[in-house]
Amino acid sequence: MVLEFVTLAVALRAWHDSIPRGEPIWPPDDAELARSLYTTWAVRTGRALRAVPVTELTADELIGFWSDDQLEQQPRNDHGQLS
């Protein structure tokens, strides 16, 4: 578990360091929120994104990172809504 956390921390640092400096992609408050959400989800799921600027990530990479395996396993009613 500790090794996984260290690996994830290294990946997060590489991703963070890959973001171009200059004009922020998001306003400061949004950037902090995005970083918090990303970090929380990465720690919870053990997933990480490639160490490239966010604008270079593909839709499939983002969907794969943010998808919730637990959500897919929840029962649905006849209309496809979560029960």
PDB file of N, CA and C in Angstrom:
ATOM      1  N   MET A   1       0.821  -1.192   0.000  1.00  0.00           N
ATOM      2  CA  MET A   1       0.000   0.000   0.000  1.00  0.00           C
ATOM      3  C   MET A   1       0.872   1.265   0.000  1.00  0.00           C
ATOM      4  N   VAL A   2       1.929   1.256   0.793  1.00  0.00           N
ATOM      5  CA  VAL A   2       2.806   2.432   0.858  1.00  0.00           C
ATOM      6  C   VAL A   2       3.491   2.650  -0.485  1.00  0.00           C
ATOM      7  N   LEU A   3       3.946   1.554  -1.112  1.00  0.00           N
ATOM      8  CA  LEU A   3       4.607   1.669  -2.412  1.00  0.00           C
ATOM      9  C   LEU A   3       3.644   2.226  -3.453  1.00  0.00           C
ATOM     10  N   GLU A   4       2.374   1.777  -3.431  1.00  0.00           N
ATOM     11  CA  GLU A   4       1.373   2.289  -4.367  1.00  0.00           C
ATOM     12  C   GLU A   4       1.160   3.780  -4.163  1.00  0.00           C
ATOM     13  N   PHE A   5       1.105   4.225  -2.908  1.00  0.00           N
ATOM     14  CA  PHE A   5       0.916   5.642  -2.619  1.00  0.00           C
ATOM     15  C   PHE A   5       2.107   6.453  -3.117  1.00  0.00           C
ATOM     16  N   VAL A   6       3.306   5.943  -2.910  1.00  0.00           N
ATOM     17  CA  VAL A   6       4.511   6.648  -3.364  1.00  0.00           C
ATOM     18  C   VAL A   6       4.505   6.733  -4.888  1.00  0.00           C
ATOM     19  N   THR A   7       4.150   5.636  -5.569  1.00  0.00           N
ATOM     20  CA  THR A   7       4.077   5.639  -7.030  1.00  0.00           C
ATOM     21  C   THR A   7       3.057   6.657  -7.505  1.00  0.00           C
ATOM     22  N   LEU A   8       1.905   6.696  -6.854  1.00  0.00           N
ATOM     23  CA  LEU A   8       0.867   7.651  -7.207  1.00  0.00           C
ATOM     24  C   LEU A   8       1.341   9.081  -6.953  1.00  0.00           C
ATOM     25  N   ALA A   9       2.017   9.306  -5.845  1.00  0.00           N
ATOM     26  CA  ALA A   9       2.517  10.640  -5.524  1.00  0.00           C
ATOM     27  C   ALA A   9       3.530  11.106  -6.576  1.00  0.00           C
ATOM     28  N   VAL A  10       4.384  10.194  -7.032  1.00  0.00           N
ATOM     29  CA  VAL A  10       5.363  10.537  -8.068  1.00  0.00           C
ATOM     30  C   VAL A  10       4.636  10.888  -9.375  1.00  0.00           C
ATOM     31  N   ALA A  11       3.603  10.102  -9.715  1.00  0.00           N
ATOM     32  CA  ALA A  11       2.832  10.374 -10.936  1.00  0.00           C
ATOM     33  C   ALA A  11       2.118  11.720 -10.836  1.00  0.00           C
ATOM     34  N   LEU A  12       1.543  12.012  -9.675  1.00  0.00           N
ATOM     35  CA  LEU A  12       0.858  13.291  -9.484  1.00  0.00           C
ATOM     36  C   LEU A  12       1.832  14.453  -9.618  1.00  0.00           C
ATOM     37  N   ARG A  13       3.015  14.318  -9.063  1.00  0.00           N
ATOM     38  CA  ARG A  13       4.020  15.380  -9.143  1.00  0.00           C
ATOM     39  C   ARG A  13       4.449  15.586 -10.603  1.00  0.00           C
ATOM     40  N   ALA A  14       4.649  14.490 -11.332  1.00  0.00           N
ATOM     41  CA  ALA A  14       5.044  14.594 -12.741  1.00  0.00           C
ATOM     42  C   ALA A  14       3.948  15.285 -13.542  1.00  0.00           C
ATOM     43  N   TRP A  15       2.691  14.905 -13.281  1.00  0.00           N
ATOM     44  CA  TRP A  15       1.564  15.533 -13.978  1.00  0.00           C
ATOM     45  C   TRP A  15       1.512  17.014 -13.640  1.00  0.00           C
ATOM     46  N   HIS A  16       1.641  17.346 -12.367  1.00  0.00           N
ATOM     47  CA  HIS A  16       1.592  18.749 -11.937  1.00  0.00           C
ATOM     48  C   HIS A  16       2.729  19.547 -12.567  1.00  0.00           C
ATOM     49  N   ASP A  17       3.922  18.968 -12.576  1.00  0.00           N
ATOM     50  CA  ASP A  17       5.083  19.668 -13.131  1.00  0.00           C
ATOM     51  C   ASP A  17       4.994  19.832 -14.650  1.00  0.00           C
ATOM     52  N   SER A  18       4.156  19.006 -15.306  1.00  0.00           N
ATOM     53  CA  SER A  18       4.039  19.089 -16.760  1.00  0.00           C
ATOM     54  C   SER A  18       3.117  20.215 -17.211  1.00  0.00           C
ATOM     55  N   ILE A  19       2.361  20.779 -16.289  1.00  0.00           N
ATOM     56  CA  ILE A  19       1.436  21.850 -16.648  1.00  0.00           C
ATOM     57  C   ILE A  19       2.247  23.101 -16.982  1.00  0.00           C
ATOM     58  N   PRO A  20       2.026  23.658 -18.174  1.00  0.00           N
ATOM     59  CA  PRO A  20       2.814  24.834 -18.562  1.00  0.00           C
ATOM     60  C   PRO A  20       2.593  25.992 -17.595  1.00  0.00           C
ATOM     61  N   ARG A  21       3.653  26.678 -17.306  1.00  0.00           N
ATOM     62  CA  ARG A  21       3.558  27.851 -16.434  1.00  0.00           C
ATOM     63  C   ARG A  21       3.219  29.052 -17.297  1.00  0.00           C
ATOM     64  N   GLY A  22       2.571  29.996 -16.771  1.00  0.00           N
ATOM     65  CA  GLY A  22       2.130  31.161 -17.531  1.00  0.00           C
ATOM     66  C   GLY A  22       0.680  31.413 -17.180  1.00  0.00           C
ATOM     67  N   GLU A  23      -0.143  31.618 -18.184  1.00  0.00           N
ATOM     68  CA  GLU A  23      -1.569  31.819 -17.944  1.00  0.00           C
ATOM     69  C   GLU A  23      -2.174  30.551 -17.368  1.00  0.00           C
ATOM     70  N   PRO A  24      -2.850  30.641 -16.237  1.00  0.00           N
ATOM     71  CA  PRO A  24      -3.476  29.439 -15.682  1.00  0.00           C
ATOM     72  C   PRO A  24      -4.584  28.929 -16.605  1.00  0.00           C
ATOM     73  N   ILE A  25      -4.757  27.619 -16.618  1.00  0.00           N
ATOM     74  CA  ILE A  25      -5.823  27.025 -17.413  1.00  0.00           C
ATOM     75  C   ILE A  25      -7.170  27.392 -16.802  1.00  0.00           C
ATOM     76  N   TRP A  26      -7.253  27.421 -15.483  1.00  0.00           N
ATOM     77  CA  TRP A  26      -8.471  27.776 -14.760  1.00  0.00           C
ATOM     78  C   TRP A  26      -8.159  28.948 -13.840  1.00  0.00           C
ATOM     79  N   PRO A  27      -9.196  29.676 -13.435  1.00  0.00           N
ATOM     80  CA  PRO A  27      -8.972  30.679 -12.388  1.00  0.00           C
ATOM     81  C   PRO A  27      -8.391  29.997 -11.146  1.00  0.00           C
ATOM     82  N   PRO A  28      -7.670  30.706 -10.300  1.00  0.00           N
ATOM     83  CA  PRO A  28      -6.983  30.088  -9.153  1.00  0.00           C
ATOM     84  C   PRO A  28      -7.884  29.213  -8.285  1.00  0.00           C
ATOM     85  N   ASP A  29      -9.083  29.663  -7.970  1.00  0.00           N
ATOM     86  CA  ASP A  29      -9.961  28.852  -7.129  1.00  0.00           C
ATOM     87  C   ASP A  29     -10.354  27.559  -7.831  1.00  0.00           C
ATOM     88  N   ASP A  30     -10.624  27.643  -9.129  1.00  0.00           N
ATOM     89  CA  ASP A  30     -10.992  26.457  -9.893  1.00  0.00           C
ATOM     90  C   ASP A  30      -9.804  25.503 -10.031  1.00  0.00           C
ATOM     91  N   ALA A  31      -8.609  26.053 -10.184  1.00  0.00           N
ATOM     92  CA  ALA A  31      -7.421  25.212 -10.309  1.00  0.00           C
ATOM     93  C   ALA A  31      -7.197  24.426  -9.018  1.00  0.00           C
ATOM     94  N   GLU A  32      -7.370  25.080  -7.893  1.00  0.00           N
ATOM     95  CA  GLU A  32      -7.206  24.401  -6.601  1.00  0.00           C
ATOM     96  C   GLU A  32      -8.273  23.332  -6.419  1.00  0.00           C
ATOM     97  N   LEU A  33      -9.493  23.631  -6.802  1.00  0.00           N
ATOM     98  CA  LEU A  33     -10.577  22.657  -6.714  1.00  0.00           C
ATOM     99  C   LEU A  33     -10.282  21.466  -7.632  1.00  0.00           C
ATOM    100  N   ALA A  34      -9.859  21.728  -8.852  1.00  0.00           N
ATOM    101  CA  ALA A  34      -9.535  20.649  -9.794  1.00  0.00           C
ATOM    102  C   ALA A  34      -8.413  19.771  -9.244  1.00  0.00           C
ATOM    103  N   ARG A  35      -7.385  20.381  -8.684  1.00  0.00           N
ATOM    104  CA  ARG A  35      -6.263  19.627  -8.103  1.00  0.00           C
ATOM    105  C   ARG A  35      -6.746  18.766  -6.943  1.00  0.00           C
ATOM    106  N   SER A  36      -7.615  19.314  -6.107  1.00  0.00           N
ATOM    107  CA  SER A  36      -8.148  18.556  -4.970  1.00  0.00           C
ATOM    108  C   SER A  36      -8.999  17.377  -5.426  1.00  0.00           C
ATOM    109  N   LEU A  37      -9.871  17.631  -6.406  1.00  0.00           N
ATOM    110  CA  LEU A  37     -10.719  16.554  -6.917  1.00  0.00           C
ATOM    111  C   LEU A  37      -9.871  15.458  -7.561  1.00  0.00           C
ATOM    112  N   TYR A  38      -8.896  15.862  -8.376  1.00  0.00           N
ATOM    113  CA  TYR A  38      -8.024  14.900  -9.036  1.00  0.00           C
ATOM    114  C   TYR A  38      -7.277  14.054  -8.007  1.00  0.00           C
ATOM    115  N   THR A  39      -6.676  14.710  -7.037  1.00  0.00           N
ATOM    116  CA  THR A  39      -5.883  14.000  -6.031  1.00  0.00           C
ATOM    117  C   THR A  39      -6.751  13.036  -5.232  1.00  0.00           C
ATOM    118  N   THR A  40      -7.925  13.505  -4.802  1.00  0.00           N
ATOM    119  CA  THR A  40      -8.824  12.648  -4.027  1.00  0.00           C
ATOM    120  C   THR A  40      -9.238  11.424  -4.838  1.00  0.00           C
ATOM    121  N   TRP A  41      -9.618  11.626  -6.094  1.00  0.00           N
ATOM    122  CA  TRP A  41     -10.059  10.511  -6.937  1.00  0.00           C
ATOM    123  C   TRP A  41      -8.897   9.556  -7.228  1.00  0.00           C
ATOM    124  N   ALA A  42      -7.699  10.102  -7.468  1.00  0.00           N
ATOM    125  CA  ALA A  42      -6.534   9.265  -7.755  1.00  0.00           C
ATOM    126  C   ALA A  42      -6.189   8.393  -6.554  1.00  0.00           C
ATOM    127  N   VAL A  43      -6.233   8.960  -5.366  1.00  0.00           N
ATOM    128  CA  VAL A  43      -5.940   8.178  -4.159  1.00  0.00           C
ATOM    129  C   VAL A  43      -7.027   7.133  -3.929  1.00  0.00           C
ATOM    130  N   ARG A  44      -8.274   7.505  -4.140  1.00  0.00           N
ATOM    131  CA  ARG A  44      -9.393   6.582  -3.905  1.00  0.00           C
ATOM    132  C   ARG A  44      -9.386   5.412  -4.881  1.00  0.00           C
ATOM    133  N   THR A  45      -9.065   5.666  -6.151  1.00  0.00           N
ATOM    134  CA  THR A  45      -9.161   4.624  -7.172  1.00  0.00           C
ATOM    135  C   THR A  45      -7.820   3.993  -7.537  1.00  0.00           C
ATOM    136  N   GLY A  46      -6.713   4.666  -7.212  1.00  0.00           N
ATOM    137  CA  GLY A  46      -5.402   4.157  -7.606  1.00  0.00           C
ATOM    138  C   GLY A  46      -5.069   4.457  -9.061  1.00  0.00           C
ATOM    139  N   ARG A  47      -5.883   5.270  -9.702  1.00  0.00           N
ATOM    140  CA  ARG A  47      -5.651   5.615 -11.112  1.00  0.00           C
ATOM    141  C   ARG A  47      -4.838   6.904 -11.201  1.00  0.00           C
ATOM    142  N   ALA A  48      -4.179   7.078 -12.324  1.00  0.00           N
ATOM    143  CA  ALA A  48      -3.448   8.323 -12.562  1.00  0.00           C
ATOM    144  C   ALA A  48      -3.532   8.650 -14.057  1.00  0.00           C
ATOM    145  N   LEU A  49      -3.437   9.915 -14.366  1.00  0.00           N
ATOM    146  CA  LEU A  49      -3.421  10.363 -15.756  1.00  0.00           C
ATOM    147  C   LEU A  49      -1.984  10.480 -16.245  1.00  0.00           C
ATOM    148  N   ARG A  50      -1.807  10.461 -17.569  1.00  0.00           N
ATOM    149  CA  ARG A  50      -0.471  10.676 -18.134  1.00  0.00           C
ATOM    150  C   ARG A  50       0.066  12.023 -17.676  1.00  0.00           C
ATOM    151  N   ALA A  51       1.360  12.123 -17.580  1.00  0.00           N
ATOM    152  CA  ALA A  51       2.006  13.362 -17.145  1.00  0.00           C
ATOM    153  C   ALA A  51       2.162  14.314 -18.326  1.00  0.00           C
ATOM    154  N   VAL A  52       1.028  14.852 -18.787  1.00  0.00           N
ATOM    155  CA  VAL A  52       1.005  15.821 -19.876  1.00  0.00           C
ATOM    156  C   VAL A  52       0.044  16.934 -19.483  1.00  0.00           C
ATOM    157  N   PRO A  53       0.093  18.074 -20.150  1.00  0.00           N
ATOM    158  CA  PRO A  53      -0.898  19.111 -19.867  1.00  0.00           C
ATOM    159  C   PRO A  53      -2.319  18.558 -20.077  1.00  0.00           C
ATOM    160  N   VAL A  54      -3.242  19.030 -19.296  1.00  0.00           N
ATOM    161  CA  VAL A  54      -4.619  18.550 -19.346  1.00  0.00           C
ATOM    162  C   VAL A  54      -5.192  18.626 -20.756  1.00  0.00           C
ATOM    163  N   THR A  55      -4.826  19.641 -21.490  1.00  0.00           N
ATOM    164  CA  THR A  55      -5.364  19.819 -22.839  1.00  0.00           C
ATOM    165  C   THR A  55      -4.912  18.729 -23.805  1.00  0.00           C
ATOM    166  N   GLU A  56      -3.882  17.962 -23.448  1.00  0.00           N
ATOM    167  CA  GLU A  56      -3.393  16.897 -24.316  1.00  0.00           C
ATOM    168  C   GLU A  56      -3.977  15.527 -23.981  1.00  0.00           C
ATOM    169  N   LEU A  57      -4.768  15.445 -22.925  1.00  0.00           N
ATOM    170  CA  LEU A  57      -5.391  14.172 -22.564  1.00  0.00           C
ATOM    171  C   LEU A  57      -6.545  13.883 -23.515  1.00  0.00           C
ATOM    172  N   THR A  58      -6.718  12.611 -23.868  1.00  0.00           N
ATOM    173  CA  THR A  58      -7.804  12.233 -24.763  1.00  0.00           C
ATOM    174  C   THR A  58      -9.099  12.052 -23.977  1.00  0.00           C
ATOM    175  N   ALA A  59     -10.205  12.064 -24.693  1.00  0.00           N
ATOM    176  CA  ALA A  59     -11.504  11.838 -24.055  1.00  0.00           C
ATOM    177  C   ALA A  59     -11.534  10.461 -23.392  1.00  0.00           C
ATOM    178  N   ASP A  60     -10.985   9.452 -24.048  1.00  0.00           N
ATOM    179  CA  ASP A  60     -10.971   8.103 -23.474  1.00  0.00           C
ATOM    180  C   ASP A  60     -10.154   8.051 -22.185  1.00  0.00           C
ATOM    181  N   GLU A  61      -9.036   8.770 -22.139  1.00  0.00           N
ATOM    182  CA  GLU A  61      -8.229   8.806 -20.915  1.00  0.00           C
ATOM    183  C   GLU A  61      -9.013   9.450 -19.775  1.00  0.00           C
ATOM    184  N   LEU A  62      -9.687  10.546 -20.065  1.00  0.00           N
ATOM    185  CA  LEU A  62     -10.452  11.232 -19.035  1.00  0.00           C
ATOM    186  C   LEU A  62     -11.638  10.391 -18.563  1.00  0.00           C
ATOM    187  N   ILE A  63     -12.330   9.751 -19.495  1.00  0.00           N
ATOM    188  CA  ILE A  63     -13.458   8.895 -19.123  1.00  0.00           C
ATOM    189  C   ILE A  63     -12.964   7.723 -18.282  1.00  0.00           C
ATOM    190  N   GLY A  64     -11.859   7.111 -18.699  1.00  0.00           N
ATOM    191  CA  GLY A  64     -11.303   5.995 -17.944  1.00  0.00           C
ATOM    192  C   GLY A  64     -10.879   6.391 -16.544  1.00  0.00           C
ATOM    193  N   PHE A  65     -10.330   7.587 -16.416  1.00  0.00           N
ATOM    194  CA  PHE A  65      -9.885   8.055 -15.098  1.00  0.00           C
ATOM    195  C   PHE A  65     -11.070   8.360 -14.192  1.00  0.00           C
ATOM    196  N   TRP A  66     -12.069   9.071 -14.706  1.00  0.00           N
ATOM    197  CA  TRP A  66     -13.164   9.547 -13.871  1.00  0.00           C
ATOM    198  C   TRP A  66     -14.314   8.553 -13.731  1.00  0.00           C
ATOM    199  N   SER A  67     -14.331   7.463 -14.518  1.00  0.00           N
ATOM    200  CA  SER A  67     -15.444   6.524 -14.425  1.00  0.00           C
ATOM    201  C   SER A  67     -15.494   5.909 -13.033  1.00  0.00           C
ATOM    202  N   ASP A  68     -16.700   5.576 -12.611  1.00  0.00           N
ATOM    203  CA  ASP A  68     -16.917   5.012 -11.278  1.00  0.00           C
ATOM    204  C   ASP A  68     -17.393   3.579 -11.438  1.00  0.00           C
ATOM    205  N   ASP A  69     -16.502   2.626 -11.174  1.00  0.00           N
ATOM    206  CA  ASP A  69     -16.844   1.218 -11.315  1.00  0.00           C
ATOM    207  C   ASP A  69     -18.027   0.834 -10.429  1.00  0.00           C
ATOM    208  N   GLN A  70     -18.144   1.436  -9.267  1.00  0.00           N
ATOM    209  CA  GLN A  70     -19.237   1.120  -8.350  1.00  0.00           C
ATOM    210  C   GLN A  70     -20.576   1.575  -8.924  1.00  0.00           C
ATOM    211  N   LEU A  71     -20.585   2.690  -9.627  1.00  0.00           N
ATOM    212  CA  LEU A  71     -21.811   3.202 -10.216  1.00  0.00           C
ATOM    213  C   LEU A  71     -22.356   2.224 -11.243  1.00  0.00           C
ATOM    214  N   GLU A  72     -21.467   1.613 -12.031  1.00  0.00           N
ATOM    215  CA  GLU A  72     -21.890   0.671 -13.059  1.00  0.00           C
ATOM    216  C   GLU A  72     -22.484  -0.596 -12.466  1.00  0.00           C
ATOM    217  N   GLN A  73     -22.157  -0.926 -11.235  1.00  0.00           N
ATOM    218  CA  GLN A  73     -22.634  -2.158 -10.625  1.00  0.00           C
ATOM    219  C   GLN A  73     -23.941  -1.972  -9.868  1.00  0.00           C
ATOM    220  N   GLN A  74     -24.423  -0.753  -9.748  1.00  0.00           N
ATOM    221  CA  GLN A  74     -25.661  -0.520  -9.011  1.00  0.00           C
ATOM    222  C   GLN A  74     -26.851  -0.945  -9.860  1.00  0.00           C
ATOM    223  N   PRO A  75     -27.859  -1.542  -9.212  1.00  0.00           N
ATOM    224  CA  PRO A  75     -29.033  -1.982  -9.967  1.00  0.00           C
ATOM    225  C   PRO A  75     -29.801  -0.801 -10.552  1.00  0.00           C
ATOM    226  N   ARG A  76     -30.384  -1.022 -11.715  1.00  0.00           N
ATOM    227  CA  ARG A  76     -31.166   0.008 -12.388  1.00  0.00           C
ATOM    228  C   ARG A  76     -32.599  -0.480 -12.558  1.00  0.00           C
ATOM    229  N   ASN A  77     -33.532   0.458 -12.618  1.00  0.00           N
ATOM    230  CA  ASN A  77     -34.932   0.093 -12.828  1.00  0.00           C
ATOM    231  C   ASN A  77     -35.208  -0.089 -14.319  1.00  0.00           C
ATOM    232  N   ASP A  78     -36.461  -0.291 -14.678  1.00  0.00           N
ATOM    233  CA  ASP A  78     -36.838  -0.537 -16.079  1.00  0.00           C
ATOM    234  C   ASP A  78     -36.541   0.642 -16.993  1.00  0.00           C
ATOM    235  N   HIS A  79     -36.386   1.833 -16.422  1.00  0.00           N
ATOM    236  CA  HIS A  79     -36.128   3.042 -17.214  1.00  0.00           C
ATOM    237  C   HIS A  79     -34.642   3.373 -17.300  1.00  0.00           C
ATOM    238  N   GLY A  80     -33.786   2.487 -16.762  1.00  0.00           N
ATOM    239  CA  GLY A  80     -32.351   2.709 -16.813  1.00  0.00           C
ATOM    240  C   GLY A  80     -31.826   3.624 -15.730  1.00  0.00           C
ATOM    241  N   GLN A  81     -32.697   4.010 -14.804  1.00  0.00           N
ATOM    242  CA  GLN A  81     -32.273   4.890 -13.705  1.00  0.00           C
ATOM    243  C   GLN A  81     -31.803   4.043 -12.537  1.00  0.00           C
ATOM    244  N   LEU A  82     -30.906   4.612 -11.736  1.00  0.00           N
ATOM    245  CA  LEU A  82     -30.427   3.905 -10.559  1.00  0.00           C
ATOM    246  C   LEU A  82     -31.579   3.665  -9.599  1.00  0.00           C
ATOM    247  N   SER A  83     -31.622   2.468  -9.057  1.00  0.00           N
ATOM    248  CA  SER A  83     -32.686   2.117  -8.105  1.00  0.00           C
ATOM    249  C   SER A  83     -32.382   2.640  -6.730  1.00  0.00           C
TER     250      SER A  83
END
